[in-house]
Amino acid sequence: MKRLLIATAIGIAAGVVAVQSHPVTDILHDVYPSDPAKRQALDLCMLGDPNFNRLDPSTREACYRHAASPPTLTVAPVTTVNAPNPVDLKQDAERGTVPRNDVRVVQATQGLPR
């Protein structure tokens, strides 16, 4: 009798899950979308805001709108490069074409001030 009762309960539960699975899968597809752009937008919103709620539809839509907006670019100011000083030019000319990390260059310049 106990087994029949357990089997009936399992059958009823399976029937309820089968009937109600469509809304549950819709929610899961909304919260974890299969579209890579939406998935990336939600991941970025979660990284940017620790209190981001994926379950709230309005919050998700705001996140999608924010991700779809073009990024604002800031232009860095142009910096001028100073001309090399004569001392550096002379030292570089004296070294020749030998690489700077060559042991001969290192040994020859160990006593020079930097």
C-alpha atoms as a PDB file:
ATOM      1  CA  MET A   1       0.000   0.000   0.000  1.00  0.00           C
ATOM      2  CA  LYS A   2       2.867   2.337   0.857  1.00  0.00           C
ATOM      3  CA  ARG A   3       4.565   1.713  -2.506  1.00  0.00           C
ATOM      4  CA  LEU A   4       1.357   2.477  -4.364  1.00  0.00           C
ATOM      5  CA  LEU A   5       0.986   5.751  -2.473  1.00  0.00           C
ATOM      6  CA  ILE A   6       4.612   6.743  -3.261  1.00  0.00           C
ATOM      7  CA  ALA A   7       4.212   5.800  -6.926  1.00  0.00           C
ATOM      8  CA  THR A   8       0.993   7.840  -7.135  1.00  0.00           C
ATOM      9  CA  ALA A   9       2.673  10.862  -5.537  1.00  0.00           C
ATOM     10  CA  ILE A  10       5.608  10.604  -7.949  1.00  0.00           C
ATOM     11  CA  GLY A  11       3.212  10.289 -10.897  1.00  0.00           C
ATOM     12  CA  ILE A  12       1.227  13.341  -9.827  1.00  0.00           C
ATOM     13  CA  ALA A  13       4.418  15.338  -9.276  1.00  0.00           C
ATOM     14  CA  ALA A  14       5.703  14.329 -12.713  1.00  0.00           C
ATOM     15  CA  GLY A  15       2.405  15.374 -14.272  1.00  0.00           C
ATOM     16  CA  VAL A  16       2.469  18.754 -12.550  1.00  0.00           C
ATOM     17  CA  VAL A  17       6.072  19.325 -13.657  1.00  0.00           C
ATOM     18  CA  ALA A  18       5.193  18.346 -17.232  1.00  0.00           C
ATOM     19  CA  VAL A  19       2.262  20.763 -17.310  1.00  0.00           C
ATOM     20  CA  GLN A  20       4.084  23.623 -15.565  1.00  0.00           C
ATOM     21  CA  SER A  21       7.513  23.196 -17.189  1.00  0.00           C
ATOM     22  CA  HIS A  22       6.844  25.694 -19.994  1.00  0.00           C
ATOM     23  CA  PRO A  23       6.752  28.806 -17.729  1.00  0.00           C
ATOM     24  CA  VAL A  24       9.779  27.561 -15.810  1.00  0.00           C
ATOM     25  CA  THR A  25      11.813  27.066 -18.984  1.00  0.00           C
ATOM     26  CA  ASP A  26      10.731  30.504 -20.230  1.00  0.00           C
ATOM     27  CA  ILE A  27      12.058  32.105 -17.056  1.00  0.00           C
ATOM     28  CA  LEU A  28      15.307  30.150 -17.307  1.00  0.00           C
ATOM     29  CA  HIS A  29      15.755  31.192 -20.956  1.00  0.00           C
ATOM     30  CA  ASP A  30      15.154  34.829 -19.959  1.00  0.00           C
ATOM     31  CA  VAL A  31      17.589  34.705 -17.046  1.00  0.00           C
ATOM     32  CA  TYR A  32      20.233  32.698 -18.964  1.00  0.00           C
ATOM     33  CA  PRO A  33      19.716  33.627 -22.653  1.00  0.00           C
ATOM     34  CA  SER A  34      21.161  31.557 -25.472  1.00  0.00           C
ATOM     35  CA  ASP A  35      21.984  34.706 -27.470  1.00  0.00           C
ATOM     36  CA  PRO A  36      25.707  35.395 -26.914  1.00  0.00           C
ATOM     37  CA  ALA A  37      25.286  39.195 -27.017  1.00  0.00           C
ATOM     38  CA  LYS A  38      22.578  39.148 -24.341  1.00  0.00           C
ATOM     39  CA  ARG A  39      24.546  36.664 -22.244  1.00  0.00           C
ATOM     40  CA  GLN A  40      27.643  38.872 -22.416  1.00  0.00           C
ATOM     41  CA  ALA A  41      25.589  41.975 -21.570  1.00  0.00           C
ATOM     42  CA  LEU A  42      24.161  40.282 -18.472  1.00  0.00           C
ATOM     43  CA  ASP A  43      27.606  39.073 -17.424  1.00  0.00           C
ATOM     44  CA  LEU A  44      29.034  42.584 -17.757  1.00  0.00           C
ATOM     45  CA  CYS A  45      26.133  44.069 -15.800  1.00  0.00           C
ATOM     46  CA  MET A  46      26.681  41.521 -13.037  1.00  0.00           C
ATOM     47  CA  LEU A  47      30.389  42.356 -12.919  1.00  0.00           C
ATOM     48  CA  GLY A  48      29.689  46.084 -12.831  1.00  0.00           C
ATOM     49  CA  ASP A  49      26.907  46.004 -10.242  1.00  0.00           C
ATOM     50  CA  PRO A  50      27.045  43.424  -7.437  1.00  0.00           C
ATOM     51  CA  ASN A  51      23.350  44.093  -6.650  1.00  0.00           C
ATOM     52  CA  PHE A  52      22.220  43.371 -10.230  1.00  0.00           C
ATOM     53  CA  ASN A  53      19.063  41.214 -10.263  1.00  0.00           C
ATOM     54  CA  ARG A  54      18.816  38.919 -13.277  1.00  0.00           C
ATOM     55  CA  LEU A  55      15.295  37.857 -12.354  1.00  0.00           C
ATOM     56  CA  ASP A  56      13.828  41.358 -12.724  1.00  0.00           C
ATOM     57  CA  PRO A  57      12.689  41.851 -16.355  1.00  0.00           C
ATOM     58  CA  SER A  58      13.005  45.646 -16.236  1.00  0.00           C
ATOM     59  CA  THR A  59      16.559  45.391 -14.926  1.00  0.00           C
ATOM     60  CA  ARG A  60      17.463  42.940 -17.678  1.00  0.00           C
ATOM     61  CA  GLU A  61      15.995  45.229 -20.358  1.00  0.00           C
ATOM     62  CA  ALA A  62      17.908  48.208 -18.928  1.00  0.00           C
ATOM     63  CA  CYS A  63      21.071  46.124 -19.060  1.00  0.00           C
ATOM     64  CA  TYR A  64      20.423  45.192 -22.700  1.00  0.00           C
ATOM     65  CA  ARG A  65      19.807  48.865 -23.588  1.00  0.00           C
ATOM     66  CA  HIS A  66      22.995  49.905 -21.791  1.00  0.00           C
ATOM     67  CA  ALA A  67      25.016  47.236 -23.603  1.00  0.00           C
ATOM     68  CA  ALA A  68      23.514  48.184 -26.971  1.00  0.00           C
ATOM     69  CA  SER A  69      24.443  51.863 -26.612  1.00  0.00           C
ATOM     70  CA  PRO A  70      27.711  52.793 -28.294  1.00  0.00           C
ATOM     71  CA  PRO A  71      30.637  53.176 -25.914  1.00  0.00           C
ATOM     72  CA  THR A  72      31.862  56.655 -25.175  1.00  0.00           C
ATOM     73  CA  LEU A  73      35.449  57.157 -26.196  1.00  0.00           C
ATOM     74  CA  THR A  74      37.730  59.531 -24.410  1.00  0.00           C
ATOM     75  CA  VAL A  75      40.609  60.945 -26.373  1.00  0.00           C
ATOM     76  CA  ALA A  76      43.891  61.092 -24.549  1.00  0.00           C
ATOM     77  CA  PRO A  77      45.760  64.366 -24.867  1.00  0.00           C
ATOM     78  CA  VAL A  78      48.602  64.374 -27.358  1.00  0.00           C
ATOM     79  CA  THR A  79      51.951  64.326 -25.651  1.00  0.00           C
ATOM     80  CA  THR A  80      55.029  65.644 -27.321  1.00  0.00           C
ATOM     81  CA  VAL A  81      58.142  63.542 -27.352  1.00  0.00           C
ATOM     82  CA  ASN A  82      61.209  65.326 -26.096  1.00  0.00           C
ATOM     83  CA  ALA A  83      64.168  65.369 -28.403  1.00  0.00           C
ATOM     84  CA  PRO A  84      66.997  63.061 -27.325  1.00  0.00           C
ATOM     85  CA  ASN A  85      69.756  64.804 -25.452  1.00  0.00           C
ATOM     86  CA  PRO A  86      73.319  64.901 -26.837  1.00  0.00           C
ATOM     87  CA  VAL A  87      74.772  62.791 -24.021  1.00  0.00           C
ATOM     88  CA  ASP A  88      72.478  59.855 -24.764  1.00  0.00           C
ATOM     89  CA  LEU A  89      73.143  60.163 -28.488  1.00  0.00           C
ATOM     90  CA  LYS A  90      76.911  60.115 -27.891  1.00  0.00           C
ATOM     91  CA  GLN A  91      76.725  57.069 -25.603  1.00  0.00           C
ATOM     92  CA  ASP A  92      74.554  55.205 -28.096  1.00  0.00           C
ATOM     93  CA  ALA A  93      76.955  56.016 -30.911  1.00  0.00           C
ATOM     94  CA  GLU A  94      79.911  54.761 -28.841  1.00  0.00           C
ATOM     95  CA  ARG A  95      78.201  51.441 -28.160  1.00  0.00           C
ATOM     96  CA  GLY A  96      77.880  50.654 -31.840  1.00  0.00           C
ATOM     97  CA  THR A  97      75.532  47.932 -33.041  1.00  0.00           C
ATOM     98  CA  VAL A  98      76.078  45.571 -30.115  1.00  0.00           C
ATOM     99  CA  PRO A  99      72.855  44.779 -28.176  1.00  0.00           C
ATOM    100  CA  ARG A 100      72.510  46.542 -24.824  1.00  0.00           C
ATOM    101  CA  ASN A 101      72.312  43.298 -22.853  1.00  0.00           C
ATOM    102  CA  ASP A 102      75.516  41.922 -24.391  1.00  0.00           C
ATOM    103  CA  VAL A 103      77.955  40.929 -21.660  1.00  0.00           C
ATOM    104  CA  ARG A 104      80.759  42.958 -23.260  1.00  0.00           C
ATOM    105  CA  VAL A 105      78.669  46.133 -23.097  1.00  0.00           C
ATOM    106  CA  VAL A 106      77.611  45.440 -19.524  1.00  0.00           C
ATOM    107  CA  GLN A 107      81.198  44.845 -18.401  1.00  0.00           C
ATOM    108  CA  ALA A 108      82.494  47.924 -20.226  1.00  0.00           C
ATOM    109  CA  THR A 109      79.838  50.231 -18.764  1.00  0.00           C
ATOM    110  CA  GLN A 110      79.774  48.975 -15.187  1.00  0.00           C
ATOM    111  CA  GLY A 111      81.891  51.826 -13.898  1.00  0.00           C
ATOM    112  CA  LEU A 112      80.025  54.550 -15.805  1.00  0.00           C
ATOM    113  CA  PRO A 113      77.515  56.744 -13.952  1.00  0.00           C
ATOM    114  CA  ARG A 114      73.946  56.382 -15.088  1.00  0.00           C
END
